[in-house]
């Protein structure tokens, strides 16, 4: 079944809401660093949306971040990695090896992660936020789960475009739109909300996304008043992001992780909306 969607939804997940501004982790104590990483991993970055296995009733939180979501595409078949502290996950990796994988898409042995991992978007992470993510992942209880090796039809495909240099927190503090750009980028919204065609408009939608939900087509999230969010109120956009309810009251389709975004701070959500308002309209 094919559906055209405005915003998508994902299964419920267990998360902890933690306050904190984007990039505000450079001078934190270890407990504060873990708390910041918890917020990033379990809200805006929505890591569990792929890395927590799905059961019949939704995400299996007894195996939180243990891997298991399977991507079966014409070009590759991959399973999301185990991010827990078990040896079948990240237990034997150094902090620097984890950071390298997040920002470059390469494992310690030099092999490339599958392109569904949005590493190019994570290049914008501040050093403090990258430290925070690693500090938090170290606290995730170990789960023994060796995921299958990826299978490619030919050469491994290239990573997604969109590489950035870190957007430091002084720039974010000075301009809410820049903070919103940071958050939208690490949320890897454009991984789904634009096609892979050359010259595709930023946020223009139109990407077909197959999965257990069937095939959905990603929404236009530009400022276009007819086809995008131009005529939506800030409150309507926030409601769609955090509850999966469209402007007209309809429940939206997977795979967007709105249960994760529901635990973002009001300030971070407002910054995201401020940035989305600046995306040039695209029909």
C-alpha atoms as a PDB file:
ATOM      1  CA  UNK A   1       0.000   0.000   0.000  1.00  0.00           C
ATOM      2  CA  UNK A   2       1.292   3.423  -0.883  1.00  0.00           C
ATOM      3  CA  UNK A   3       0.561   6.486   1.215  1.00  0.00           C
ATOM      4  CA  UNK A   4       1.533  10.105   0.848  1.00  0.00           C
ATOM      5  CA  UNK A   5       2.537  11.425   4.257  1.00  0.00           C
ATOM      6  CA  UNK A   6       3.076  14.788   5.858  1.00  0.00           C
ATOM      7  CA  UNK A   7       5.000  13.681   8.923  1.00  0.00           C
ATOM      8  CA  UNK A   8       5.662  10.079   9.877  1.00  0.00           C
ATOM      9  CA  UNK A   9       5.465   8.191  13.144  1.00  0.00           C
ATOM     10  CA  UNK A  10       7.357   5.380  14.845  1.00  0.00           C
ATOM     11  CA  UNK A  11       6.641   2.907  17.598  1.00  0.00           C
ATOM     12  CA  UNK A  12       6.652   3.964  21.243  1.00  0.00           C
ATOM     13  CA  UNK A  13      10.005   4.039  23.055  1.00  0.00           C
ATOM     14  CA  UNK A  14      11.259   4.506  26.596  1.00  0.00           C
ATOM     15  CA  UNK A  15      13.248   7.735  26.946  1.00  0.00           C
ATOM     16  CA  UNK A  16      14.485  10.159  29.549  1.00  0.00           C
ATOM     17  CA  UNK A  17      13.826  13.886  29.057  1.00  0.00           C
ATOM     18  CA  UNK A  18      16.910  15.876  29.918  1.00  0.00           C
ATOM     19  CA  UNK A  19      17.255  19.621  29.583  1.00  0.00           C
ATOM     20  CA  UNK A  20      20.230  21.116  27.782  1.00  0.00           C
ATOM     21  CA  UNK A  21      21.071  23.367  24.872  1.00  0.00           C
ATOM     22  CA  UNK A  22      22.729  22.165  21.688  1.00  0.00           C
ATOM     23  CA  UNK A  23      26.469  21.763  22.033  1.00  0.00           C
ATOM     24  CA  UNK A  24      26.568  22.672  25.736  1.00  0.00           C
ATOM     25  CA  UNK A  25      28.748  19.754  26.799  1.00  0.00           C
ATOM     26  CA  UNK A  26      32.370  20.883  26.473  1.00  0.00           C
ATOM     27  CA  UNK A  27      32.885  21.686  30.180  1.00  0.00           C
ATOM     28  CA  UNK A  28      30.503  19.217  31.830  1.00  0.00           C
ATOM     29  CA  UNK A  29      31.352  16.764  34.586  1.00  0.00           C
ATOM     30  CA  UNK A  30      31.118  13.062  33.743  1.00  0.00           C
ATOM     31  CA  UNK A  31      27.581  12.657  35.192  1.00  0.00           C
ATOM     32  CA  UNK A  32      26.468  15.788  33.334  1.00  0.00           C
ATOM     33  CA  UNK A  33      28.130  14.501  30.173  1.00  0.00           C
ATOM     34  CA  UNK A  34      26.214  11.213  30.427  1.00  0.00           C
ATOM     35  CA  UNK A  35      22.994  13.156  31.033  1.00  0.00           C
ATOM     36  CA  UNK A  36      23.594  15.271  27.937  1.00  0.00           C
ATOM     37  CA  UNK A  37      24.374  12.148  25.899  1.00  0.00           C
ATOM     38  CA  UNK A  38      21.171  10.526  27.159  1.00  0.00           C
ATOM     39  CA  UNK A  39      19.229  13.528  25.897  1.00  0.00           C
ATOM     40  CA  UNK A  40      20.899  13.507  22.484  1.00  0.00           C
ATOM     41  CA  UNK A  41      20.700   9.745  21.867  1.00  0.00           C
ATOM     42  CA  UNK A  42      17.154   9.338  23.156  1.00  0.00           C
ATOM     43  CA  UNK A  43      15.519  12.444  21.707  1.00  0.00           C
ATOM     44  CA  UNK A  44      16.832  14.459  18.777  1.00  0.00           C
ATOM     45  CA  UNK A  45      19.172  11.812  17.322  1.00  0.00           C
ATOM     46  CA  UNK A  46      16.570   9.049  17.887  1.00  0.00           C
ATOM     47  CA  UNK A  47      19.210   6.319  17.747  1.00  0.00           C
ATOM     48  CA  UNK A  48      16.825   3.699  19.088  1.00  0.00           C
ATOM     49  CA  UNK A  49      14.556   4.182  16.089  1.00  0.00           C
ATOM     50  CA  UNK A  50      16.905   1.865  14.181  1.00  0.00           C
ATOM     51  CA  UNK A  51      19.196   0.348  16.806  1.00  0.00           C
ATOM     52  CA  UNK A  52      16.548  -1.132  19.125  1.00  0.00           C
ATOM     53  CA  UNK A  53      14.992  -4.380  17.847  1.00  0.00           C
ATOM     54  CA  UNK A  54      11.287  -4.354  17.106  1.00  0.00           C
ATOM     55  CA  UNK A  55       8.972  -6.896  18.668  1.00  0.00           C
ATOM     56  CA  UNK A  56       5.286  -7.630  17.976  1.00  0.00           C
ATOM     57  CA  UNK A  57       4.244  -4.859  20.376  1.00  0.00           C
ATOM     58  CA  UNK A  58       6.857  -2.325  19.256  1.00  0.00           C
ATOM     59  CA  UNK A  59      10.472  -1.703  20.340  1.00  0.00           C
ATOM     60  CA  UNK A  60      11.853  -4.419  22.619  1.00  0.00           C
ATOM     61  CA  UNK A  61      13.194  -2.234  25.407  1.00  0.00           C
ATOM     62  CA  UNK A  62      14.699  -5.238  27.197  1.00  0.00           C
ATOM     63  CA  UNK A  63      17.198  -5.188  24.308  1.00  0.00           C
ATOM     64  CA  UNK A  64      17.560  -1.416  24.091  1.00  0.00           C
ATOM     65  CA  UNK A  65      20.084  -0.324  21.415  1.00  0.00           C
ATOM     66  CA  UNK A  66      21.091  -3.967  20.840  1.00  0.00           C
ATOM     67  CA  UNK A  67      20.578  -3.693  17.075  1.00  0.00           C
ATOM     68  CA  UNK A  68      18.170  -5.603  14.962  1.00  0.00           C
ATOM     69  CA  UNK A  69      16.225  -3.332  12.580  1.00  0.00           C
ATOM     70  CA  UNK A  70      16.745  -4.883   9.150  1.00  0.00           C
ATOM     71  CA  UNK A  71      17.012  -2.820   5.977  1.00  0.00           C
ATOM     72  CA  UNK A  72      16.315  -4.826   2.822  1.00  0.00           C
ATOM     73  CA  UNK A  73      16.802  -2.639  -0.244  1.00  0.00           C
ATOM     74  CA  UNK A  74      17.635  -3.367  -3.900  1.00  0.00           C
ATOM     75  CA  UNK A  75      21.251  -2.331  -3.200  1.00  0.00           C
ATOM     76  CA  UNK A  76      21.955  -3.843   0.191  1.00  0.00           C
ATOM     77  CA  UNK A  77      20.683  -5.851   3.129  1.00  0.00           C
ATOM     78  CA  UNK A  78      21.922  -4.586   6.482  1.00  0.00           C
ATOM     79  CA  UNK A  79      20.962  -4.877  10.136  1.00  0.00           C
ATOM     80  CA  UNK A  80      21.371  -1.965  12.550  1.00  0.00           C
ATOM     81  CA  UNK A  81      24.376  -2.467  14.803  1.00  0.00           C
ATOM     82  CA  UNK A  82      24.479  -3.397  18.472  1.00  0.00           C
ATOM     83  CA  UNK A  83      25.400  -0.196  20.355  1.00  0.00           C
ATOM     84  CA  UNK A  84      25.454  -1.721  23.843  1.00  0.00           C
ATOM     85  CA  UNK A  85      28.581  -2.267  25.916  1.00  0.00           C
ATOM     86  CA  UNK A  86      28.672  -6.007  25.113  1.00  0.00           C
ATOM     87  CA  UNK A  87      31.597  -7.397  23.118  1.00  0.00           C
ATOM     88  CA  UNK A  88      29.161  -8.061  20.233  1.00  0.00           C
ATOM     89  CA  UNK A  89      28.452  -4.329  20.325  1.00  0.00           C
ATOM     90  CA  UNK A  90      30.804  -1.494  21.246  1.00  0.00           C
ATOM     91  CA  UNK A  91      32.350  -3.131  24.311  1.00  0.00           C
ATOM     92  CA  UNK A  92      35.772  -3.630  22.715  1.00  0.00           C
ATOM     93  CA  UNK A  93      35.834  -0.277  20.898  1.00  0.00           C
ATOM     94  CA  UNK A  94      37.786   2.707  22.194  1.00  0.00           C
ATOM     95  CA  UNK A  95      36.131   6.102  22.621  1.00  0.00           C
ATOM     96  CA  UNK A  96      37.996   7.398  19.584  1.00  0.00           C
ATOM     97  CA  UNK A  97      36.894   4.424  17.479  1.00  0.00           C
ATOM     98  CA  UNK A  98      33.260   5.099  18.362  1.00  0.00           C
ATOM     99  CA  UNK A  99      33.657   8.787  17.493  1.00  0.00           C
ATOM    100  CA  UNK A 100      35.283   7.892  14.174  1.00  0.00           C
ATOM    101  CA  UNK A 101      32.400   5.577  13.298  1.00  0.00           C
ATOM    102  CA  UNK A 102      29.810   8.233  14.174  1.00  0.00           C
ATOM    103  CA  UNK A 103      31.466  11.022  12.199  1.00  0.00           C
ATOM    104  CA  UNK A 104      33.106   9.168   9.291  1.00  0.00           C
ATOM    105  CA  UNK A 105      31.152   5.925   8.958  1.00  0.00           C
ATOM    106  CA  UNK A 106      34.175   3.653   9.373  1.00  0.00           C
ATOM    107  CA  UNK A 107      34.647   0.782  11.809  1.00  0.00           C
ATOM    108  CA  UNK A 108      37.963   0.186  13.621  1.00  0.00           C
ATOM    109  CA  UNK A 109      39.004  -2.271  10.870  1.00  0.00           C
ATOM    110  CA  UNK A 110      38.452   0.443   8.251  1.00  0.00           C
ATOM    111  CA  UNK A 111      35.328  -1.077   6.722  1.00  0.00           C
ATOM    112  CA  UNK A 112      32.453   1.260   5.952  1.00  0.00           C
ATOM    113  CA  UNK A 113      29.127   1.340   7.744  1.00  0.00           C
ATOM    114  CA  UNK A 114      26.043   0.992   5.554  1.00  0.00           C
ATOM    115  CA  UNK A 115      24.809   4.328   4.136  1.00  0.00           C
ATOM    116  CA  UNK A 116      21.604   4.149   6.146  1.00  0.00           C
ATOM    117  CA  UNK A 117      23.781   5.314   9.043  1.00  0.00           C
ATOM    118  CA  UNK A 118      23.675   9.121   8.596  1.00  0.00           C
ATOM    119  CA  UNK A 119      27.319   9.749   9.489  1.00  0.00           C
ATOM    120  CA  UNK A 120      27.652  12.732   7.172  1.00  0.00           C
ATOM    121  CA  UNK A 121      25.024  14.598   9.192  1.00  0.00           C
ATOM    122  CA  UNK A 122      26.908  13.896  12.409  1.00  0.00           C
ATOM    123  CA  UNK A 123      29.973  15.795  11.232  1.00  0.00           C
ATOM    124  CA  UNK A 124      28.244  18.911  12.558  1.00  0.00           C
ATOM    125  CA  UNK A 125      28.325  17.558  16.144  1.00  0.00           C
ATOM    126  CA  UNK A 126      30.361  19.689  18.530  1.00  0.00           C
ATOM    127  CA  UNK A 127      33.286  17.897  20.201  1.00  0.00           C
ATOM    128  CA  UNK A 128      31.435  18.149  23.523  1.00  0.00           C
ATOM    129  CA  UNK A 129      28.269  16.581  22.170  1.00  0.00           C
ATOM    130  CA  UNK A 130      30.275  13.809  20.532  1.00  0.00           C
ATOM    131  CA  UNK A 131      31.948  13.145  23.895  1.00  0.00           C
ATOM    132  CA  UNK A 132      28.513  13.134  25.533  1.00  0.00           C
ATOM    133  CA  UNK A 133      27.099  10.558  23.098  1.00  0.00           C
ATOM    134  CA  UNK A 134      30.055   8.229  23.723  1.00  0.00           C
ATOM    135  CA  UNK A 135      29.858   8.740  27.492  1.00  0.00           C
ATOM    136  CA  UNK A 136      26.182   7.782  27.450  1.00  0.00           C
ATOM    137  CA  UNK A 137      26.654   4.743  25.192  1.00  0.00           C
ATOM    138  CA  UNK A 138      29.195   3.418  27.709  1.00  0.00           C
ATOM    139  CA  UNK A 139      26.379   3.247  30.273  1.00  0.00           C
ATOM    140  CA  UNK A 140      23.959   1.199  28.134  1.00  0.00           C
ATOM    141  CA  UNK A 141      23.647  -2.298  29.674  1.00  0.00           C
ATOM    142  CA  UNK A 142      25.347  -5.037  27.615  1.00  0.00           C
ATOM    143  CA  UNK A 143      23.189  -7.253  25.415  1.00  0.00           C
ATOM    144  CA  UNK A 144      24.662 -10.255  23.601  1.00  0.00           C
ATOM    145  CA  UNK A 145      23.486  -9.811  20.006  1.00  0.00           C
ATOM    146  CA  UNK A 146      25.768 -10.399  17.049  1.00  0.00           C
ATOM    147  CA  UNK A 147      23.970  -8.870  14.078  1.00  0.00           C
ATOM    148  CA  UNK A 148      24.460 -10.337  10.579  1.00  0.00           C
ATOM    149  CA  UNK A 149      27.149  -8.911   8.357  1.00  0.00           C
ATOM    150  CA  UNK A 150      25.897  -6.534   5.648  1.00  0.00           C
ATOM    151  CA  UNK A 151      25.297  -7.886   2.156  1.00  0.00           C
ATOM    152  CA  UNK A 152      25.754  -5.572  -0.823  1.00  0.00           C
ATOM    153  CA  UNK A 153      24.659  -6.045  -4.420  1.00  0.00           C
ATOM    154  CA  UNK A 154      28.000  -5.040  -5.881  1.00  0.00           C
ATOM    155  CA  UNK A 155      30.211  -2.424  -4.262  1.00  0.00           C
ATOM    156  CA  UNK A 156      29.108  -0.848  -0.997  1.00  0.00           C
ATOM    157  CA  UNK A 157      27.157   2.327  -1.819  1.00  0.00           C
ATOM    158  CA  UNK A 158      28.559   5.733  -0.866  1.00  0.00           C
ATOM    159  CA  UNK A 159      27.524   7.553   2.279  1.00  0.00           C
ATOM    160  CA  UNK A 160      24.741  10.121   2.219  1.00  0.00           C
ATOM    161  CA  UNK A 161      25.739  13.668   1.230  1.00  0.00           C
ATOM    162  CA  UNK A 162      25.557  16.581   3.631  1.00  0.00           C
ATOM    163  CA  UNK A 163      28.894  16.600   5.455  1.00  0.00           C
ATOM    164  CA  UNK A 164      29.452  19.620   7.686  1.00  0.00           C
ATOM    165  CA  UNK A 165      32.103  20.895  10.054  1.00  0.00           C
ATOM    166  CA  UNK A 166      31.155  21.185  13.753  1.00  0.00           C
ATOM    167  CA  UNK A 167      28.727  24.023  14.482  1.00  0.00           C
ATOM    168  CA  UNK A 168      30.136  25.357  17.730  1.00  0.00           C
ATOM    169  CA  UNK A 169      27.899  26.395  20.564  1.00  0.00           C
ATOM    170  CA  UNK A 170      28.751  30.111  20.426  1.00  0.00           C
ATOM    171  CA  UNK A 171      27.140  30.296  16.967  1.00  0.00           C
ATOM    172  CA  UNK A 172      24.100  28.409  18.256  1.00  0.00           C
ATOM    173  CA  UNK A 173      23.755  30.615  21.314  1.00  0.00           C
ATOM    174  CA  UNK A 174      23.887  33.756  19.180  1.00  0.00           C
ATOM    175  CA  UNK A 175      21.168  32.694  16.746  1.00  0.00           C
ATOM    176  CA  UNK A 176      18.192  30.382  17.409  1.00  0.00           C
ATOM    177  CA  UNK A 177      18.022  29.597  13.694  1.00  0.00           C
ATOM    178  CA  UNK A 178      21.587  28.306  13.766  1.00  0.00           C
ATOM    179  CA  UNK A 179      20.737  26.208  16.817  1.00  0.00           C
ATOM    180  CA  UNK A 180      17.761  24.860  14.883  1.00  0.00           C
ATOM    181  CA  UNK A 181      19.972  24.056  11.906  1.00  0.00           C
ATOM    182  CA  UNK A 182      22.255  22.112  14.235  1.00  0.00           C
ATOM    183  CA  UNK A 183      19.367  20.143  15.713  1.00  0.00           C
ATOM    184  CA  UNK A 184      17.684  19.433  12.361  1.00  0.00           C
ATOM    185  CA  UNK A 185      21.044  18.230  11.026  1.00  0.00           C
ATOM    186  CA  UNK A 186      21.854  15.840  13.880  1.00  0.00           C
ATOM    187  CA  UNK A 187      18.241  14.650  13.712  1.00  0.00           C
ATOM    188  CA  UNK A 188      19.166  13.783  10.084  1.00  0.00           C
ATOM    189  CA  UNK A 189      15.768  15.013   8.895  1.00  0.00           C
ATOM    190  CA  UNK A 190      16.989  15.457   5.327  1.00  0.00           C
ATOM    191  CA  UNK A 191      18.002  11.799   5.141  1.00  0.00           C
ATOM    192  CA  UNK A 192      14.328  11.166   4.420  1.00  0.00           C
ATOM    193  CA  UNK A 193      12.858  14.557   3.543  1.00  0.00           C
ATOM    194  CA  UNK A 194      14.584  14.977   0.172  1.00  0.00           C
ATOM    195  CA  UNK A 195      15.309  12.680  -2.718  1.00  0.00           C
ATOM    196  CA  UNK A 196      18.745  11.497  -3.865  1.00  0.00           C
ATOM    197  CA  UNK A 197      18.322  13.129  -7.262  1.00  0.00           C
ATOM    198  CA  UNK A 198      20.971  15.709  -8.268  1.00  0.00           C
ATOM    199  CA  UNK A 199      19.715  19.193  -7.486  1.00  0.00           C
ATOM    200  CA  UNK A 200      16.873  17.947  -5.270  1.00  0.00           C
ATOM    201  CA  UNK A 201      15.592  20.814  -3.127  1.00  0.00           C
ATOM    202  CA  UNK A 202      16.476  20.776   0.548  1.00  0.00           C
ATOM    203  CA  UNK A 203      13.498  19.481   2.487  1.00  0.00           C
ATOM    204  CA  UNK A 204      11.407  19.049  -0.658  1.00  0.00           C
ATOM    205  CA  UNK A 205      10.308  15.518   0.244  1.00  0.00           C
ATOM    206  CA  UNK A 206       9.335  12.929  -2.348  1.00  0.00           C
ATOM    207  CA  UNK A 207      11.591  10.093  -1.176  1.00  0.00           C
ATOM    208  CA  UNK A 208       9.904   6.686  -1.279  1.00  0.00           C
ATOM    209  CA  UNK A 209      10.537   4.824   1.982  1.00  0.00           C
ATOM    210  CA  UNK A 210       9.739   1.086   1.977  1.00  0.00           C
ATOM    211  CA  UNK A 211       9.409  -0.871   5.199  1.00  0.00           C
ATOM    212  CA  UNK A 212       7.031  -2.937   7.337  1.00  0.00           C
ATOM    213  CA  UNK A 213       4.572  -0.068   6.927  1.00  0.00           C
ATOM    214  CA  UNK A 214       4.479  -0.543   3.138  1.00  0.00           C
ATOM    215  CA  UNK A 215       5.800   2.356   1.035  1.00  0.00           C
ATOM    216  CA  UNK A 216       5.426   5.940   2.162  1.00  0.00           C
ATOM    217  CA  UNK A 217       6.563   9.126   0.442  1.00  0.00           C
ATOM    218  CA  UNK A 218       8.337  11.682   2.589  1.00  0.00           C
ATOM    219  CA  UNK A 219       6.759  15.084   3.104  1.00  0.00           C
ATOM    220  CA  UNK A 220       7.762  18.496   1.867  1.00  0.00           C
ATOM    221  CA  UNK A 221       9.028  20.348   4.963  1.00  0.00           C
ATOM    222  CA  UNK A 222      10.046  23.544   3.203  1.00  0.00           C
ATOM    223  CA  UNK A 223       8.337  26.896   3.756  1.00  0.00           C
ATOM    224  CA  UNK A 224       6.186  26.378   0.668  1.00  0.00           C
ATOM    225  CA  UNK A 225       2.664  27.552   1.645  1.00  0.00           C
ATOM    226  CA  UNK A 226       0.807  25.038  -0.529  1.00  0.00           C
ATOM    227  CA  UNK A 227       2.928  21.901  -0.441  1.00  0.00           C
ATOM    228  CA  UNK A 228       5.096  22.440   2.635  1.00  0.00           C
ATOM    229  CA  UNK A 229       4.803  23.957   6.099  1.00  0.00           C
ATOM    230  CA  UNK A 230       4.371  27.575   5.064  1.00  0.00           C
ATOM    231  CA  UNK A 231       0.793  27.855   6.322  1.00  0.00           C
ATOM    232  CA  UNK A 232       1.276  25.690   9.405  1.00  0.00           C
ATOM    233  CA  UNK A 233       1.459  27.389  12.803  1.00  0.00           C
ATOM    234  CA  UNK A 234       4.453  26.777  15.056  1.00  0.00           C
ATOM    235  CA  UNK A 235       2.203  24.770  17.361  1.00  0.00           C
ATOM    236  CA  UNK A 236       0.989  22.565  14.498  1.00  0.00           C
ATOM    237  CA  UNK A 237       4.546  21.804  13.430  1.00  0.00           C
ATOM    238  CA  UNK A 238       5.596  20.959  16.988  1.00  0.00           C
ATOM    239  CA  UNK A 239       2.527  18.735  17.409  1.00  0.00           C
ATOM    240  CA  UNK A 240       3.381  16.825  14.235  1.00  0.00           C
ATOM    241  CA  UNK A 241       7.000  16.393  15.293  1.00  0.00           C
ATOM    242  CA  UNK A 242       6.192  15.241  18.816  1.00  0.00           C
ATOM    243  CA  UNK A 243       2.886  13.380  18.501  1.00  0.00           C
ATOM    244  CA  UNK A 244       2.569  12.312  14.872  1.00  0.00           C
ATOM    245  CA  UNK A 245      -0.699  14.220  14.407  1.00  0.00           C
ATOM    246  CA  UNK A 246      -1.071  16.192  11.190  1.00  0.00           C
ATOM    247  CA  UNK A 247      -2.462  19.673  10.836  1.00  0.00           C
ATOM    248  CA  UNK A 248      -5.863  18.206   9.919  1.00  0.00           C
ATOM    249  CA  UNK A 249      -5.861  15.894  12.939  1.00  0.00           C
ATOM    250  CA  UNK A 250      -4.951  12.712  11.075  1.00  0.00           C
ATOM    251  CA  UNK A 251      -2.538  10.188  12.535  1.00  0.00           C
ATOM    252  CA  UNK A 252       0.613  10.029  10.445  1.00  0.00           C
ATOM    253  CA  UNK A 253       2.555   7.048   9.139  1.00  0.00           C
ATOM    254  CA  UNK A 254       5.982   5.542  10.025  1.00  0.00           C
ATOM    255  CA  UNK A 255       8.985   5.706  10.106  1.00  0.00           C
ATOM    256  CA  UNK A 256       9.623   9.154  11.688  1.00  0.00           C
ATOM    257  CA  UNK A 257      10.541   8.808  15.373  1.00  0.00           C
ATOM    258  CA  UNK A 258       8.104  11.252  16.924  1.00  0.00           C
ATOM    259  CA  UNK A 259       8.066   9.396  20.295  1.00  0.00           C
ATOM    260  CA  UNK A 260      11.730  10.382  20.633  1.00  0.00           C
ATOM    261  CA  UNK A 261      11.156  13.998  19.647  1.00  0.00           C
ATOM    262  CA  UNK A 262       8.304  14.206  22.180  1.00  0.00           C
ATOM    263  CA  UNK A 263      10.924  14.446  24.925  1.00  0.00           C
ATOM    264  CA  UNK A 264      12.876  17.343  23.438  1.00  0.00           C
ATOM    265  CA  UNK A 265      12.912  20.584  25.379  1.00  0.00           C
ATOM    266  CA  UNK A 266      10.487  23.321  24.270  1.00  0.00           C
ATOM    267  CA  UNK A 267      13.482  25.545  23.514  1.00  0.00           C
ATOM    268  CA  UNK A 268      15.034  22.990  21.172  1.00  0.00           C
ATOM    269  CA  UNK A 269      11.723  22.375  19.405  1.00  0.00           C
ATOM    270  CA  UNK A 270      11.217  26.115  18.935  1.00  0.00           C
ATOM    271  CA  UNK A 271      14.710  26.390  17.436  1.00  0.00           C
ATOM    272  CA  UNK A 272      13.959  23.568  14.986  1.00  0.00           C
ATOM    273  CA  UNK A 273      10.770  25.295  13.872  1.00  0.00           C
ATOM    274  CA  UNK A 274      12.646  28.601  13.479  1.00  0.00           C
ATOM    275  CA  UNK A 275      15.121  26.907  11.154  1.00  0.00           C
ATOM    276  CA  UNK A 276      12.447  25.076   9.149  1.00  0.00           C
ATOM    277  CA  UNK A 277      10.834  28.465   8.488  1.00  0.00           C
ATOM    278  CA  UNK A 278      13.998  29.531   6.645  1.00  0.00           C
ATOM    279  CA  UNK A 279      14.150  26.619   4.188  1.00  0.00           C
ATOM    280  CA  UNK A 280      13.342  28.034   0.740  1.00  0.00           C
ATOM    281  CA  UNK A 281       9.932  26.955  -0.585  1.00  0.00           C
ATOM    282  CA  UNK A 282       9.923  24.041  -3.009  1.00  0.00           C
ATOM    283  CA  UNK A 283       6.845  22.706  -4.789  1.00  0.00           C
END
